[in-house]
C-alpha cells in the first residue's frame, strides 16, 4: 500500500486555514504519529533532515505568560539564554495541559499558526537561513513544508540564539 493510500487528504486545521488565507505555498506531509517519537521519528519516516524539522514549543515566563519557541528538531532550547534575550527572569516549558489551553492544539500536534491565543513567537535565527522547513501543520502526524521566512511574515517571529545541540 502506498503512502498516499494510507494517508488520504488531510482535513483542514486552523494552521492550514491560516496559511491558505494568506496564500502561503506549502506541501503536506502526513506520517504515522508515534507517542514520544518527536522530530527524529517524523524526520525518519519522511526522509527529512531533522535539523530542518522545526518543533513548536509552548513555554512560559516567570509570570506564566505563554510564548512560542521554534527550534531545530535536533536541538534543545537554552531557557537561560532565551530568557536573557527576551528580557524575562525565567522561562520554562508549559505543562502539556497549559500548552494545549494556550495553543488549542494537542501536544505533539502544536503548530505556531492558527493558535487559540496570540502569543509572542521566537525563532532560532539559524532556522531562517534554511531554504525550507517542515513544521507541524496542526495535528499529530502532520507536517507542512514552508519557506521559514513565513514565520517572520505571518507570526512576527523574533530571531533569537538559544539552541543547544542534543
N, C-alpha and C. Protein backbone atom coordinates (compact mmCIF):
# COMPACT_ATOMS: atom_id res chain seq x y z
N UNK A 1 0.84 -1.18 0.00
CA UNK A 1 0.00 0.00 0.00
C UNK A 1 0.89 1.24 0.00
N UNK A 2 0.60 2.16 -0.89
CA UNK A 2 1.45 3.36 -0.97
C UNK A 2 1.13 4.33 0.16
N UNK A 3 2.02 5.21 0.40
CA UNK A 3 1.86 6.22 1.45
C UNK A 3 0.58 7.02 1.23
N UNK A 4 0.28 7.34 -0.05
CA UNK A 4 -0.93 8.12 -0.36
C UNK A 4 -2.19 7.37 0.03
N UNK A 5 -2.19 6.03 -0.16
CA UNK A 5 -3.36 5.23 0.19
C UNK A 5 -3.58 5.23 1.70
N UNK A 6 -2.49 5.15 2.45
CA UNK A 6 -2.60 5.12 3.91
C UNK A 6 -2.98 6.47 4.47
N UNK A 7 -2.59 7.55 3.78
CA UNK A 7 -2.84 8.91 4.25
C UNK A 7 -3.58 9.70 3.19
N UNK A 8 -4.91 9.52 3.12
CA UNK A 8 -5.65 10.32 2.14
C UNK A 8 -5.53 11.79 2.53
N UNK A 9 -6.12 12.66 1.74
CA UNK A 9 -6.04 14.09 2.01
C UNK A 9 -6.28 14.39 3.49
N UNK A 10 -5.44 15.23 4.05
CA UNK A 10 -5.56 15.60 5.45
C UNK A 10 -6.56 16.74 5.54
N UNK A 11 -7.51 16.64 6.47
CA UNK A 11 -8.51 17.70 6.59
C UNK A 11 -7.88 18.99 7.12
N UNK A 12 -8.57 20.08 6.88
CA UNK A 12 -8.09 21.39 7.30
C UNK A 12 -7.86 21.47 8.81
N UNK A 13 -6.91 22.28 9.19
CA UNK A 13 -6.66 22.60 10.59
C UNK A 13 -6.66 24.13 10.68
N UNK A 14 -6.73 24.70 11.88
CA UNK A 14 -6.61 26.17 11.97
C UNK A 14 -5.30 26.65 11.32
N UNK A 15 -4.24 25.85 11.41
CA UNK A 15 -2.95 26.23 10.82
C UNK A 15 -3.04 26.30 9.29
N UNK A 16 -3.58 25.25 8.66
CA UNK A 16 -3.65 25.25 7.20
C UNK A 16 -4.65 26.30 6.70
N UNK A 17 -5.71 26.55 7.47
CA UNK A 17 -6.67 27.60 7.09
C UNK A 17 -5.96 28.96 7.05
N UNK A 18 -5.13 29.23 8.07
CA UNK A 18 -4.40 30.49 8.13
C UNK A 18 -3.41 30.59 6.96
N UNK A 19 -2.68 29.51 6.70
CA UNK A 19 -1.70 29.52 5.60
C UNK A 19 -2.40 29.76 4.26
N UNK A 20 -3.51 29.06 4.03
CA UNK A 20 -4.24 29.25 2.78
C UNK A 20 -4.82 30.66 2.67
N UNK A 21 -5.35 31.20 3.77
CA UNK A 21 -5.93 32.55 3.76
C UNK A 21 -4.88 33.60 3.38
N UNK A 22 -3.61 33.32 3.74
CA UNK A 22 -2.53 34.25 3.41
C UNK A 22 -1.79 33.85 2.13
N UNK A 23 -2.36 32.88 1.40
CA UNK A 23 -1.80 32.41 0.13
C UNK A 23 -0.34 31.96 0.25
N UNK A 24 -0.06 31.25 1.35
CA UNK A 24 1.28 30.70 1.58
C UNK A 24 1.38 29.37 0.86
N UNK A 25 2.46 29.20 0.08
CA UNK A 25 2.69 27.93 -0.59
C UNK A 25 3.24 26.93 0.43
N UNK A 26 2.59 25.77 0.54
CA UNK A 26 3.09 24.73 1.44
C UNK A 26 2.76 23.36 0.88
N UNK A 27 3.54 22.37 1.30
CA UNK A 27 3.27 20.99 0.92
C UNK A 27 2.92 20.22 2.19
N UNK A 28 2.02 19.25 2.05
CA UNK A 28 1.55 18.46 3.18
C UNK A 28 2.33 17.16 3.30
N UNK A 29 2.69 16.80 4.54
CA UNK A 29 3.48 15.60 4.77
C UNK A 29 2.94 14.80 5.96
N UNK A 30 1.91 13.98 5.71
CA UNK A 30 1.41 13.14 6.80
C UNK A 30 2.39 12.00 7.09
N UNK A 31 2.43 11.56 8.34
CA UNK A 31 3.25 10.42 8.73
C UNK A 31 2.52 9.71 9.87
N UNK A 32 3.00 8.54 10.23
CA UNK A 32 2.37 7.78 11.32
C UNK A 32 2.90 8.30 12.65
N UNK A 33 2.03 9.00 13.40
CA UNK A 33 2.43 9.58 14.67
C UNK A 33 2.82 8.49 15.66
N UNK A 34 3.96 8.70 16.34
CA UNK A 34 4.43 7.78 17.37
C UNK A 34 4.57 8.58 18.66
N UNK A 35 3.87 8.15 19.70
CA UNK A 35 3.93 8.84 21.01
C UNK A 35 5.39 8.98 21.43
N UNK A 36 5.82 10.17 21.79
CA UNK A 36 7.19 10.49 22.22
C UNK A 36 8.24 10.24 21.13
N UNK A 37 7.79 10.13 19.87
CA UNK A 37 8.74 9.93 18.77
C UNK A 37 9.47 11.20 18.38
N UNK A 38 8.79 12.32 18.56
CA UNK A 38 9.39 13.62 18.30
C UNK A 38 9.80 13.82 16.85
N UNK A 39 10.67 14.83 16.67
CA UNK A 39 11.11 15.19 15.32
C UNK A 39 12.00 14.12 14.71
N UNK A 40 12.69 13.34 15.54
CA UNK A 40 13.54 12.27 14.99
C UNK A 40 12.68 11.26 14.24
N UNK A 41 11.53 10.92 14.81
CA UNK A 41 10.64 9.94 14.19
C UNK A 41 10.00 10.49 12.92
N UNK A 42 9.50 11.73 12.96
CA UNK A 42 8.88 12.28 11.75
C UNK A 42 9.92 12.45 10.65
N UNK A 43 11.12 12.91 11.00
CA UNK A 43 12.18 13.08 10.00
C UNK A 43 12.54 11.73 9.38
N UNK A 44 12.65 10.70 10.21
CA UNK A 44 12.98 9.36 9.71
C UNK A 44 11.91 8.88 8.73
N UNK A 45 10.65 8.97 9.14
CA UNK A 45 9.56 8.48 8.29
C UNK A 45 9.45 9.25 6.98
N UNK A 46 9.69 10.55 7.03
CA UNK A 46 9.52 11.37 5.83
C UNK A 46 10.81 11.55 5.03
N UNK A 47 11.91 11.00 5.53
CA UNK A 47 13.19 11.12 4.82
C UNK A 47 13.73 12.54 4.82
N UNK A 48 13.50 13.26 5.93
CA UNK A 48 13.95 14.64 6.04
C UNK A 48 15.14 14.74 6.99
N UNK A 49 15.90 15.82 6.86
CA UNK A 49 16.98 16.12 7.79
C UNK A 49 16.32 16.68 9.06
N UNK A 50 16.59 16.07 10.22
CA UNK A 50 15.94 16.52 11.45
C UNK A 50 16.24 17.98 11.77
N UNK A 51 17.37 18.48 11.29
CA UNK A 51 17.73 19.88 11.54
C UNK A 51 16.72 20.83 10.87
N UNK A 52 16.09 20.37 9.78
CA UNK A 52 15.12 21.20 9.05
C UNK A 52 13.68 20.92 9.48
N UNK A 53 13.51 20.00 10.45
CA UNK A 53 12.19 19.76 11.03
C UNK A 53 12.13 20.64 12.28
N UNK A 54 11.22 21.58 12.28
CA UNK A 54 11.17 22.58 13.36
C UNK A 54 10.08 22.23 14.36
N UNK A 55 10.48 22.18 15.64
CA UNK A 55 9.48 21.90 16.67
C UNK A 55 8.92 23.21 17.21
N UNK A 56 7.63 23.16 17.57
CA UNK A 56 6.91 24.31 18.13
C UNK A 56 6.75 24.05 19.62
N UNK A 57 7.43 24.85 20.43
CA UNK A 57 7.42 24.64 21.88
C UNK A 57 6.67 25.78 22.57
N UNK A 58 5.69 25.43 23.39
CA UNK A 58 4.97 26.44 24.16
C UNK A 58 5.64 26.52 25.53
N UNK A 59 6.13 27.71 25.84
CA UNK A 59 6.83 27.93 27.11
C UNK A 59 6.15 29.08 27.84
N UNK A 60 6.63 29.37 29.03
CA UNK A 60 6.07 30.50 29.78
C UNK A 60 7.17 31.19 30.56
N UNK A 61 6.91 32.49 30.84
CA UNK A 61 7.88 33.25 31.62
C UNK A 61 7.53 33.15 33.11
N UNK A 62 8.24 33.92 33.92
CA UNK A 62 8.07 33.87 35.38
C UNK A 62 6.66 34.28 35.82
N UNK A 63 5.93 35.00 34.97
CA UNK A 63 4.57 35.42 35.30
C UNK A 63 3.52 34.52 34.63
N UNK A 64 3.96 33.36 34.16
CA UNK A 64 3.10 32.37 33.48
C UNK A 64 2.51 32.92 32.18
N UNK A 65 3.18 33.91 31.58
CA UNK A 65 2.74 34.41 30.27
C UNK A 65 3.32 33.46 29.21
N UNK A 66 2.46 32.91 28.33
CA UNK A 66 2.95 31.96 27.34
C UNK A 66 3.68 32.61 26.17
N UNK A 67 4.58 31.84 25.58
CA UNK A 67 5.29 32.25 24.38
C UNK A 67 5.62 31.00 23.58
N UNK A 68 5.90 31.18 22.31
CA UNK A 68 6.25 30.05 21.44
C UNK A 68 7.69 30.18 21.02
N UNK A 69 8.40 29.04 21.04
CA UNK A 69 9.77 28.98 20.56
C UNK A 69 9.81 27.97 19.42
N UNK A 70 10.36 28.39 18.28
CA UNK A 70 10.55 27.49 17.14
C UNK A 70 12.02 27.10 17.12
N UNK A 71 12.27 25.79 17.19
CA UNK A 71 13.63 25.29 17.35
C UNK A 71 13.88 24.12 16.40
N UNK A 72 15.14 24.01 15.95
CA UNK A 72 15.55 22.85 15.13
C UNK A 72 15.20 21.57 15.88
N UNK A 73 14.76 20.56 15.14
CA UNK A 73 14.39 19.29 15.76
C UNK A 73 15.52 18.62 16.49
N UNK A 74 16.77 18.84 16.04
CA UNK A 74 17.91 18.16 16.66
C UNK A 74 18.60 19.03 17.71
N UNK A 75 17.92 20.07 18.18
CA UNK A 75 18.50 20.96 19.21
C UNK A 75 17.52 21.12 20.37
N UNK A 76 18.06 21.55 21.49
CA UNK A 76 17.24 21.89 22.65
C UNK A 76 17.31 23.39 22.83
N UNK A 77 16.39 23.92 23.64
CA UNK A 77 16.36 25.35 23.94
C UNK A 77 17.11 25.61 25.24
N UNK A 78 18.03 26.56 25.20
CA UNK A 78 18.66 27.04 26.43
C UNK A 78 17.69 28.08 26.99
N UNK A 79 16.92 27.69 28.00
CA UNK A 79 15.93 28.61 28.56
C UNK A 79 16.62 29.82 29.21
N UNK A 80 17.84 29.61 29.70
CA UNK A 80 18.59 30.71 30.31
C UNK A 80 18.95 31.76 29.25
N UNK A 81 19.47 31.29 28.10
CA UNK A 81 19.81 32.22 27.01
C UNK A 81 18.56 32.90 26.45
N UNK A 82 17.49 32.12 26.32
CA UNK A 82 16.24 32.67 25.79
C UNK A 82 15.71 33.75 26.73
N UNK A 83 15.66 33.47 28.01
CA UNK A 83 15.16 34.45 28.99
C UNK A 83 15.96 35.75 28.91
N UNK A 84 17.27 35.62 28.83
CA UNK A 84 18.14 36.79 28.76
C UNK A 84 17.80 37.63 27.51
N UNK A 85 17.58 36.97 26.38
CA UNK A 85 17.33 37.69 25.12
C UNK A 85 15.94 38.32 25.03
N UNK A 86 14.98 37.73 25.75
CA UNK A 86 13.62 38.28 25.66
C UNK A 86 13.27 39.16 26.86
N UNK A 87 14.24 39.35 27.75
CA UNK A 87 14.03 40.22 28.89
C UNK A 87 13.18 39.61 29.99
N UNK A 88 13.21 38.29 30.13
CA UNK A 88 12.47 37.61 31.20
C UNK A 88 13.45 37.16 32.28
N UNK A 89 12.93 37.00 33.49
CA UNK A 89 13.77 36.49 34.58
C UNK A 89 13.97 34.99 34.43
N UNK A 90 12.91 34.32 33.95
CA UNK A 90 12.92 32.86 33.93
C UNK A 90 11.96 32.38 32.84
N UNK A 91 12.35 31.34 32.12
CA UNK A 91 11.46 30.72 31.13
C UNK A 91 11.52 29.21 31.33
N UNK A 92 10.35 28.59 31.22
CA UNK A 92 10.29 27.12 31.35
C UNK A 92 9.19 26.60 30.42
N UNK A 93 9.28 25.31 30.07
CA UNK A 93 8.21 24.73 29.24
C UNK A 93 6.89 24.74 30.00
N UNK A 94 5.80 24.94 29.29
CA UNK A 94 4.47 24.84 29.91
C UNK A 94 4.16 23.37 30.14
N UNK A 95 3.31 23.11 31.11
CA UNK A 95 2.79 21.76 31.30
C UNK A 95 1.90 21.46 30.08
N UNK A 96 1.79 20.18 29.68
CA UNK A 96 1.00 19.86 28.48
C UNK A 96 -0.41 20.46 28.49
N UNK A 97 -1.10 20.41 29.63
CA UNK A 97 -2.48 20.94 29.69
C UNK A 97 -2.48 22.45 29.41
N UNK A 98 -1.51 23.16 29.97
CA UNK A 98 -1.43 24.61 29.76
C UNK A 98 -1.08 24.92 28.31
N UNK A 99 -0.14 24.16 27.75
CA UNK A 99 0.25 24.36 26.34
C UNK A 99 -0.96 24.17 25.43
N UNK A 100 -1.75 23.15 25.72
CA UNK A 100 -2.93 22.86 24.92
C UNK A 100 -3.97 23.97 25.06
N UNK A 101 -4.14 24.48 26.26
CA UNK A 101 -5.10 25.56 26.53
C UNK A 101 -4.70 26.83 25.75
N UNK A 102 -3.40 27.14 25.77
CA UNK A 102 -2.93 28.36 25.08
C UNK A 102 -2.99 28.21 23.56
N UNK A 103 -2.56 27.05 23.06
CA UNK A 103 -2.43 26.89 21.61
C UNK A 103 -3.69 26.39 20.93
N UNK A 104 -4.49 25.62 21.67
CA UNK A 104 -5.66 24.99 21.05
C UNK A 104 -5.31 23.69 20.35
N UNK A 105 -4.04 23.29 20.44
CA UNK A 105 -3.58 22.05 19.79
C UNK A 105 -3.15 21.03 20.84
N UNK A 106 -3.27 19.75 20.49
CA UNK A 106 -2.74 18.68 21.34
C UNK A 106 -1.22 18.72 21.30
N UNK A 107 -0.57 18.47 22.42
CA UNK A 107 0.89 18.39 22.43
C UNK A 107 1.28 17.25 21.48
N UNK A 108 2.28 17.53 20.64
CA UNK A 108 2.66 16.57 19.59
C UNK A 108 2.03 16.96 18.26
N UNK A 109 1.09 17.91 18.32
CA UNK A 109 0.43 18.39 17.11
C UNK A 109 0.33 19.91 17.12
N UNK A 110 1.22 20.56 17.87
CA UNK A 110 1.17 22.02 18.01
C UNK A 110 1.81 22.71 16.82
N UNK A 111 1.04 23.60 16.22
CA UNK A 111 1.55 24.45 15.14
C UNK A 111 1.63 25.88 15.68
N UNK A 112 2.60 26.67 15.19
CA UNK A 112 2.62 28.07 15.61
C UNK A 112 1.55 28.89 14.88
N UNK A 113 0.97 28.32 13.83
CA UNK A 113 -0.02 29.01 13.02
C UNK A 113 -1.43 28.68 13.52
N UNK A 114 -2.28 29.68 13.61
CA UNK A 114 -3.67 29.44 13.98
C UNK A 114 -3.87 29.06 15.43
N UNK A 115 -3.03 29.57 16.32
CA UNK A 115 -3.19 29.25 17.75
C UNK A 115 -4.43 29.95 18.31
N UNK A 116 -4.97 29.36 19.37
CA UNK A 116 -6.16 29.90 20.01
C UNK A 116 -5.87 31.27 20.63
N UNK A 117 -4.72 31.38 21.27
CA UNK A 117 -4.32 32.62 21.94
C UNK A 117 -3.14 33.22 21.18
N UNK A 118 -3.15 34.55 21.01
CA UNK A 118 -1.99 35.22 20.40
C UNK A 118 -0.83 35.16 21.39
N UNK A 119 0.30 34.70 20.94
CA UNK A 119 1.48 34.61 21.80
C UNK A 119 2.68 35.14 21.04
N UNK A 120 3.64 35.75 21.74
CA UNK A 120 4.87 36.14 21.05
C UNK A 120 5.59 34.89 20.56
N UNK A 121 6.19 34.99 19.37
CA UNK A 121 6.89 33.85 18.78
C UNK A 121 8.36 34.21 18.61
N UNK A 122 9.23 33.29 19.03
CA UNK A 122 10.67 33.45 18.88
C UNK A 122 11.18 32.29 18.05
N UNK A 123 12.09 32.58 17.13
CA UNK A 123 12.61 31.56 16.23
C UNK A 123 14.13 31.54 16.31
N UNK A 124 14.68 30.35 16.43
CA UNK A 124 16.14 30.22 16.43
C UNK A 124 16.63 30.80 15.10
N UNK A 125 17.53 31.77 15.18
CA UNK A 125 17.92 32.54 13.99
C UNK A 125 18.42 31.66 12.84
N UNK A 126 19.16 30.60 13.13
CA UNK A 126 19.71 29.76 12.05
C UNK A 126 18.63 29.05 11.24
N UNK A 127 17.41 28.93 11.79
CA UNK A 127 16.30 28.33 11.03
C UNK A 127 16.00 29.19 9.81
N UNK A 128 16.13 30.50 9.97
CA UNK A 128 15.80 31.43 8.88
C UNK A 128 16.76 31.31 7.69
N UNK A 129 17.91 30.69 7.90
CA UNK A 129 18.88 30.51 6.81
C UNK A 129 18.57 29.26 5.96
N UNK A 130 17.67 28.40 6.44
CA UNK A 130 17.33 27.18 5.70
C UNK A 130 16.42 27.53 4.52
N UNK A 131 16.56 26.78 3.39
CA UNK A 131 15.70 27.08 2.24
C UNK A 131 14.23 26.72 2.49
N UNK A 132 13.99 25.60 3.20
CA UNK A 132 12.62 25.16 3.54
C UNK A 132 12.67 24.48 4.89
N UNK A 133 11.55 24.55 5.61
CA UNK A 133 11.45 23.84 6.88
C UNK A 133 10.18 23.01 6.87
N UNK A 134 10.17 21.96 7.68
CA UNK A 134 8.97 21.17 7.93
C UNK A 134 8.54 21.52 9.35
N UNK A 135 7.28 21.90 9.50
CA UNK A 135 6.77 22.34 10.80
C UNK A 135 5.37 21.77 10.98
N UNK A 136 4.94 21.59 12.21
CA UNK A 136 3.66 20.95 12.44
C UNK A 136 2.52 21.72 11.78
N UNK A 137 1.63 20.98 11.15
CA UNK A 137 0.51 21.57 10.44
C UNK A 137 -0.77 21.62 11.24
N UNK A 138 -0.69 21.32 12.55
CA UNK A 138 -1.87 21.46 13.39
C UNK A 138 -2.52 20.18 13.84
N UNK A 139 -1.84 19.05 13.65
CA UNK A 139 -2.33 17.80 14.23
C UNK A 139 -1.17 16.81 14.31
N UNK A 140 -1.31 15.84 15.17
CA UNK A 140 -0.27 14.82 15.32
C UNK A 140 -0.14 14.05 14.01
N UNK A 141 1.10 13.81 13.61
CA UNK A 141 1.32 13.05 12.38
C UNK A 141 1.14 13.86 11.11
N UNK A 142 1.37 15.17 11.18
CA UNK A 142 1.13 16.01 10.02
C UNK A 142 2.07 17.22 10.03
N UNK A 143 3.01 17.24 9.08
CA UNK A 143 3.91 18.37 8.93
C UNK A 143 3.60 19.08 7.62
N UNK A 144 3.91 20.37 7.57
CA UNK A 144 3.84 21.12 6.31
C UNK A 144 5.22 21.68 6.05
N UNK A 145 5.60 21.73 4.78
CA UNK A 145 6.88 22.34 4.43
C UNK A 145 6.61 23.72 3.87
N UNK A 146 7.37 24.70 4.39
CA UNK A 146 7.20 26.10 4.01
C UNK A 146 8.56 26.78 3.95
N UNK A 147 8.56 27.98 3.43
CA UNK A 147 9.74 28.85 3.49
C UNK A 147 9.79 29.37 4.93
N UNK A 148 10.94 29.29 5.62
CA UNK A 148 10.98 29.74 7.02
C UNK A 148 10.66 31.22 7.21
N UNK A 149 10.82 32.03 6.16
CA UNK A 149 10.50 33.46 6.27
C UNK A 149 9.02 33.70 6.57
N UNK A 150 8.18 32.71 6.24
CA UNK A 150 6.75 32.80 6.53
C UNK A 150 6.53 33.01 8.03
N UNK A 151 7.39 32.42 8.86
CA UNK A 151 7.26 32.55 10.32
C UNK A 151 7.44 34.01 10.74
N UNK A 152 8.33 34.71 10.06
CA UNK A 152 8.56 36.12 10.38
C UNK A 152 7.39 36.95 9.82
N UNK A 153 7.00 36.65 8.58
CA UNK A 153 5.95 37.43 7.92
C UNK A 153 4.58 37.28 8.59
N UNK A 154 4.18 36.05 8.92
CA UNK A 154 2.84 35.82 9.47
C UNK A 154 2.78 35.88 10.99
N UNK A 155 3.87 35.50 11.66
CA UNK A 155 3.84 35.39 13.12
C UNK A 155 4.64 36.49 13.81
N UNK A 156 5.31 37.33 13.02
CA UNK A 156 6.21 38.34 13.58
C UNK A 156 7.23 37.68 14.51
N UNK A 157 7.69 36.49 14.09
CA UNK A 157 8.66 35.75 14.91
C UNK A 157 9.96 36.53 15.03
N UNK A 158 10.46 36.66 16.26
CA UNK A 158 11.70 37.39 16.51
C UNK A 158 12.86 36.40 16.59
N UNK A 159 13.93 36.65 15.82
CA UNK A 159 15.10 35.75 15.86
C UNK A 159 15.82 35.82 17.21
N UNK A 160 16.22 34.65 17.71
CA UNK A 160 16.98 34.54 18.96
C UNK A 160 18.09 33.51 18.75
N UNK A 161 19.05 33.50 19.67
CA UNK A 161 20.11 32.48 19.69
C UNK A 161 20.00 31.74 21.00
N UNK A 162 19.35 30.56 20.97
CA UNK A 162 19.19 29.81 22.22
C UNK A 162 19.26 28.31 21.99
N UNK A 163 19.89 27.89 20.87
CA UNK A 163 19.97 26.47 20.55
C UNK A 163 21.11 25.78 21.29
N UNK A 164 20.83 24.60 21.79
CA UNK A 164 21.83 23.72 22.37
C UNK A 164 21.78 22.44 21.55
N UNK A 165 22.92 21.97 21.07
CA UNK A 165 22.93 20.71 20.31
C UNK A 165 22.55 19.58 21.26
N UNK A 166 21.77 18.63 20.76
CA UNK A 166 21.34 17.49 21.60
C UNK A 166 22.42 16.46 21.67
